[in-house]
Amino acid sequence: MTDAASIREHMEVIGADGVHVGTVDKVEGQRIKLTKRDSGEGAHRGHHHYIPLSLIAEVEGQKVRLSANSDVAVTFEEEKSDPPDHDI
């Protein structure tokens, strides 16, 4: 797995096929948070999506290359989820 510390804000995230998937906002835990502006389509547009670090093949220059093609990688995107409610 690639060292998450080498991933920086505004890096381009591309699929194994070289197609643009998103832009890094930051790394949170074991996921890359993509910028709102460049994340999701249709009803999913305008909020953050996340890509698991396990999909990263390598970091090359200013690009984060994924191990999956872009059309497959977007199926792994997660939307920000709210913490579950706990009854006390």
N, C-alpha and C. Protein backbone atom coordinates (compact mmCIF):
# COMPACT_ATOMS: atom_id res chain seq x y z
N MET A 1 0.85 -1.19 0.00
CA MET A 1 0.00 0.00 0.00
C MET A 1 0.89 1.24 0.00
N THR A 2 0.42 2.27 -0.66
CA THR A 2 1.13 3.54 -0.76
C THR A 2 1.07 4.27 0.58
N ASP A 3 2.14 4.98 0.90
CA ASP A 3 2.18 5.77 2.12
C ASP A 3 1.21 6.94 1.99
N ALA A 4 0.20 6.98 2.83
CA ALA A 4 -0.82 8.03 2.78
C ALA A 4 -0.22 9.42 2.99
N ALA A 5 0.92 9.51 3.65
CA ALA A 5 1.56 10.80 3.92
C ALA A 5 2.03 11.47 2.62
N SER A 6 2.18 10.69 1.55
CA SER A 6 2.63 11.27 0.28
C SER A 6 1.47 11.86 -0.53
N ILE A 7 0.26 11.69 -0.05
CA ILE A 7 -0.92 12.22 -0.74
C ILE A 7 -1.20 13.62 -0.21
N ARG A 8 -1.30 14.58 -1.13
CA ARG A 8 -1.46 15.99 -0.77
C ARG A 8 -2.75 16.56 -1.34
N GLU A 9 -3.21 17.64 -0.70
CA GLU A 9 -4.37 18.37 -1.15
C GLU A 9 -4.19 18.81 -2.61
N HIS A 10 -5.26 18.75 -3.37
CA HIS A 10 -5.34 19.18 -4.77
C HIS A 10 -4.67 18.22 -5.77
N MET A 11 -4.19 17.06 -5.31
CA MET A 11 -3.67 16.07 -6.25
C MET A 11 -4.84 15.49 -7.05
N GLU A 12 -4.59 15.17 -8.29
CA GLU A 12 -5.62 14.55 -9.12
C GLU A 12 -5.67 13.05 -8.84
N VAL A 13 -6.87 12.51 -8.72
CA VAL A 13 -7.06 11.07 -8.55
C VAL A 13 -7.52 10.53 -9.90
N ILE A 14 -6.77 9.55 -10.42
CA ILE A 14 -7.10 8.98 -11.72
C ILE A 14 -7.24 7.46 -11.59
N GLY A 15 -8.05 6.90 -12.46
CA GLY A 15 -8.18 5.45 -12.51
C GLY A 15 -6.98 4.83 -13.18
N ALA A 16 -6.91 3.51 -13.17
CA ALA A 16 -5.81 2.78 -13.82
C ALA A 16 -5.79 3.07 -15.32
N ASP A 17 -6.94 3.48 -15.85
CA ASP A 17 -7.05 3.81 -17.27
C ASP A 17 -6.65 5.25 -17.58
N GLY A 18 -6.24 6.01 -16.55
CA GLY A 18 -5.80 7.39 -16.74
C GLY A 18 -6.92 8.42 -16.73
N VAL A 19 -8.16 7.98 -16.52
CA VAL A 19 -9.31 8.88 -16.53
C VAL A 19 -9.50 9.52 -15.16
N HIS A 20 -9.80 10.82 -15.16
CA HIS A 20 -9.99 11.61 -13.94
C HIS A 20 -11.15 11.05 -13.11
N VAL A 21 -10.91 10.84 -11.81
CA VAL A 21 -11.93 10.37 -10.87
C VAL A 21 -12.33 11.48 -9.91
N GLY A 22 -11.36 12.29 -9.49
CA GLY A 22 -11.64 13.37 -8.55
C GLY A 22 -10.37 14.11 -8.17
N THR A 23 -10.51 14.99 -7.18
CA THR A 23 -9.39 15.79 -6.67
C THR A 23 -9.33 15.62 -5.16
N VAL A 24 -8.14 15.40 -4.64
CA VAL A 24 -7.95 15.19 -3.21
C VAL A 24 -8.28 16.45 -2.42
N ASP A 25 -9.14 16.31 -1.43
CA ASP A 25 -9.35 17.36 -0.45
C ASP A 25 -8.37 17.10 0.69
N LYS A 26 -8.40 15.88 1.23
CA LYS A 26 -7.43 15.45 2.25
C LYS A 26 -7.60 13.97 2.51
N VAL A 27 -6.70 13.40 3.30
CA VAL A 27 -6.80 12.01 3.72
C VAL A 27 -7.42 12.00 5.11
N GLU A 28 -8.45 11.19 5.28
CA GLU A 28 -9.11 11.01 6.58
C GLU A 28 -9.12 9.53 6.90
N GLY A 29 -8.35 9.15 7.89
CA GLY A 29 -8.29 7.73 8.27
C GLY A 29 -7.75 6.90 7.13
N GLN A 30 -8.52 5.93 6.69
CA GLN A 30 -8.11 5.02 5.62
C GLN A 30 -8.79 5.37 4.29
N ARG A 31 -9.17 6.64 4.14
CA ARG A 31 -9.86 7.06 2.92
C ARG A 31 -9.34 8.40 2.42
N ILE A 32 -9.44 8.61 1.11
CA ILE A 32 -9.17 9.91 0.50
C ILE A 32 -10.51 10.62 0.40
N LYS A 33 -10.56 11.82 0.95
CA LYS A 33 -11.75 12.66 0.83
C LYS A 33 -11.58 13.48 -0.45
N LEU A 34 -12.54 13.37 -1.36
CA LEU A 34 -12.51 14.13 -2.60
C LEU A 34 -13.19 15.48 -2.40
N THR A 35 -12.77 16.47 -3.17
CA THR A 35 -13.38 17.79 -3.06
C THR A 35 -14.84 17.74 -3.48
N LYS A 36 -15.66 18.59 -2.89
CA LYS A 36 -17.09 18.65 -3.24
C LYS A 36 -17.28 19.04 -4.69
N ARG A 37 -16.53 20.03 -5.12
CA ARG A 37 -16.66 20.60 -6.46
C ARG A 37 -16.42 19.56 -7.54
N ASP A 38 -15.62 18.57 -7.23
CA ASP A 38 -15.16 17.62 -8.24
C ASP A 38 -15.54 16.20 -7.83
N SER A 39 -16.70 16.04 -7.21
CA SER A 39 -17.04 14.75 -6.65
C SER A 39 -18.49 14.40 -6.90
N GLY A 40 -18.72 13.26 -7.52
CA GLY A 40 -20.08 12.77 -7.72
C GLY A 40 -20.76 13.37 -8.92
N GLU A 41 -21.87 12.78 -9.28
CA GLU A 41 -22.65 13.24 -10.42
C GLU A 41 -24.12 13.27 -10.03
N GLY A 42 -24.91 14.06 -10.72
CA GLY A 42 -26.35 14.11 -10.49
C GLY A 42 -26.69 14.46 -9.06
N ALA A 43 -27.50 13.63 -8.43
CA ALA A 43 -27.92 13.86 -7.04
C ALA A 43 -26.77 13.74 -6.06
N HIS A 44 -25.69 13.11 -6.49
CA HIS A 44 -24.53 12.93 -5.61
C HIS A 44 -23.57 14.11 -5.69
N ARG A 45 -23.83 15.05 -6.56
CA ARG A 45 -22.95 16.20 -6.75
C ARG A 45 -23.08 17.16 -5.58
N GLY A 46 -21.98 17.85 -5.25
CA GLY A 46 -22.03 18.92 -4.26
C GLY A 46 -21.77 18.49 -2.83
N HIS A 47 -21.35 17.26 -2.62
CA HIS A 47 -20.91 16.87 -1.28
C HIS A 47 -19.72 15.91 -1.41
N HIS A 48 -19.04 15.71 -0.32
CA HIS A 48 -17.80 14.93 -0.35
C HIS A 48 -18.06 13.44 -0.60
N HIS A 49 -17.15 12.85 -1.35
CA HIS A 49 -17.12 11.41 -1.54
C HIS A 49 -15.73 10.94 -1.10
N TYR A 50 -15.61 9.66 -0.84
CA TYR A 50 -14.38 9.08 -0.32
C TYR A 50 -13.98 7.87 -1.13
N ILE A 51 -12.67 7.70 -1.30
CA ILE A 51 -12.09 6.54 -1.97
C ILE A 51 -11.22 5.82 -0.94
N PRO A 52 -11.38 4.52 -0.76
CA PRO A 52 -10.54 3.80 0.20
C PRO A 52 -9.06 3.80 -0.23
N LEU A 53 -8.17 3.96 0.73
CA LEU A 53 -6.73 3.95 0.42
C LEU A 53 -6.32 2.61 -0.18
N SER A 54 -7.06 1.56 0.08
CA SER A 54 -6.71 0.24 -0.46
C SER A 54 -6.80 0.19 -1.99
N LEU A 55 -7.45 1.18 -2.61
CA LEU A 55 -7.54 1.22 -4.08
C LEU A 55 -6.35 1.92 -4.74
N ILE A 56 -5.45 2.49 -3.94
CA ILE A 56 -4.33 3.23 -4.52
C ILE A 56 -3.25 2.28 -5.01
N ALA A 57 -2.88 2.45 -6.27
CA ALA A 57 -1.79 1.66 -6.85
C ALA A 57 -0.46 2.37 -6.61
N GLU A 58 -0.44 3.70 -6.85
CA GLU A 58 0.78 4.47 -6.63
C GLU A 58 0.49 5.96 -6.67
N VAL A 59 1.43 6.71 -6.13
CA VAL A 59 1.39 8.16 -6.23
C VAL A 59 2.54 8.54 -7.16
N GLU A 60 2.19 9.20 -8.27
CA GLU A 60 3.21 9.55 -9.27
C GLU A 60 3.11 11.04 -9.55
N GLY A 61 4.11 11.79 -9.12
CA GLY A 61 4.09 13.24 -9.29
C GLY A 61 2.93 13.84 -8.52
N GLN A 62 2.04 14.53 -9.21
CA GLN A 62 0.87 15.17 -8.59
C GLN A 62 -0.41 14.37 -8.83
N LYS A 63 -0.26 13.07 -9.12
CA LYS A 63 -1.42 12.22 -9.39
C LYS A 63 -1.43 11.00 -8.48
N VAL A 64 -2.63 10.66 -8.03
CA VAL A 64 -2.86 9.44 -7.27
C VAL A 64 -3.51 8.47 -8.25
N ARG A 65 -2.80 7.40 -8.60
CA ARG A 65 -3.32 6.42 -9.55
C ARG A 65 -3.95 5.27 -8.77
N LEU A 66 -5.17 4.92 -9.15
CA LEU A 66 -5.89 3.83 -8.51
C LEU A 66 -5.61 2.52 -9.22
N SER A 67 -5.88 1.42 -8.54
CA SER A 67 -5.66 0.09 -9.12
C SER A 67 -6.84 -0.35 -9.98
N ALA A 68 -7.92 0.41 -9.96
CA ALA A 68 -9.12 0.09 -10.74
C ALA A 68 -9.34 1.16 -11.80
N ASN A 69 -9.93 0.79 -12.93
CA ASN A 69 -10.31 1.77 -13.93
C ASN A 69 -11.32 2.73 -13.34
N SER A 70 -11.42 3.92 -13.92
CA SER A 70 -12.27 4.98 -13.37
C SER A 70 -13.73 4.56 -13.24
N ASP A 71 -14.26 3.84 -14.21
CA ASP A 71 -15.67 3.44 -14.14
C ASP A 71 -15.93 2.46 -13.01
N VAL A 72 -14.93 1.68 -12.65
CA VAL A 72 -15.06 0.75 -11.52
C VAL A 72 -14.78 1.48 -10.21
N ALA A 73 -13.79 2.36 -10.20
CA ALA A 73 -13.40 3.08 -8.98
C ALA A 73 -14.56 3.88 -8.41
N VAL A 74 -15.38 4.50 -9.26
CA VAL A 74 -16.47 5.32 -8.74
C VAL A 74 -17.52 4.46 -8.02
N THR A 75 -17.56 3.18 -8.33
CA THR A 75 -18.51 2.31 -7.60
C THR A 75 -18.03 2.06 -6.18
N PHE A 76 -16.74 2.32 -5.90
CA PHE A 76 -16.20 2.18 -4.56
C PHE A 76 -16.32 3.46 -3.75
N GLU A 77 -16.71 4.57 -4.39
CA GLU A 77 -16.84 5.83 -3.68
C GLU A 77 -17.89 5.70 -2.59
N GLU A 78 -17.59 6.30 -1.47
CA GLU A 78 -18.52 6.33 -0.35
C GLU A 78 -18.90 7.77 -0.09
N GLU A 79 -20.14 7.99 0.28
CA GLU A 79 -20.55 9.33 0.68
C GLU A 79 -20.28 9.46 2.17
N LYS A 80 -20.13 10.69 2.60
CA LYS A 80 -19.92 10.93 4.03
C LYS A 80 -21.12 10.40 4.78
N SER A 81 -20.86 9.60 5.80
CA SER A 81 -21.97 9.08 6.59
C SER A 81 -21.95 9.71 7.97
N ASP A 82 -23.13 9.96 8.49
CA ASP A 82 -23.25 10.52 9.82
C ASP A 82 -23.05 9.42 10.85
N PRO A 83 -22.50 9.76 12.01
CA PRO A 83 -22.32 8.75 13.05
C PRO A 83 -23.67 8.22 13.49
N PRO A 84 -23.76 6.95 13.85
CA PRO A 84 -25.04 6.39 14.29
C PRO A 84 -25.50 7.01 15.60
N ASP A 85 -26.82 7.07 15.75
CA ASP A 85 -27.38 7.56 17.01
C ASP A 85 -27.29 6.45 18.04
N HIS A 86 -26.94 6.83 19.25
CA HIS A 86 -26.86 5.85 20.34
C HIS A 86 -27.81 6.25 21.43
N ASP A 87 -28.62 5.30 21.85
CA ASP A 87 -29.52 5.54 22.98
C ASP A 87 -28.76 5.28 24.26
N ILE A 88 -28.94 6.14 25.22
CA ILE A 88 -28.23 5.97 26.50
C ILE A 88 -29.22 5.55 27.55
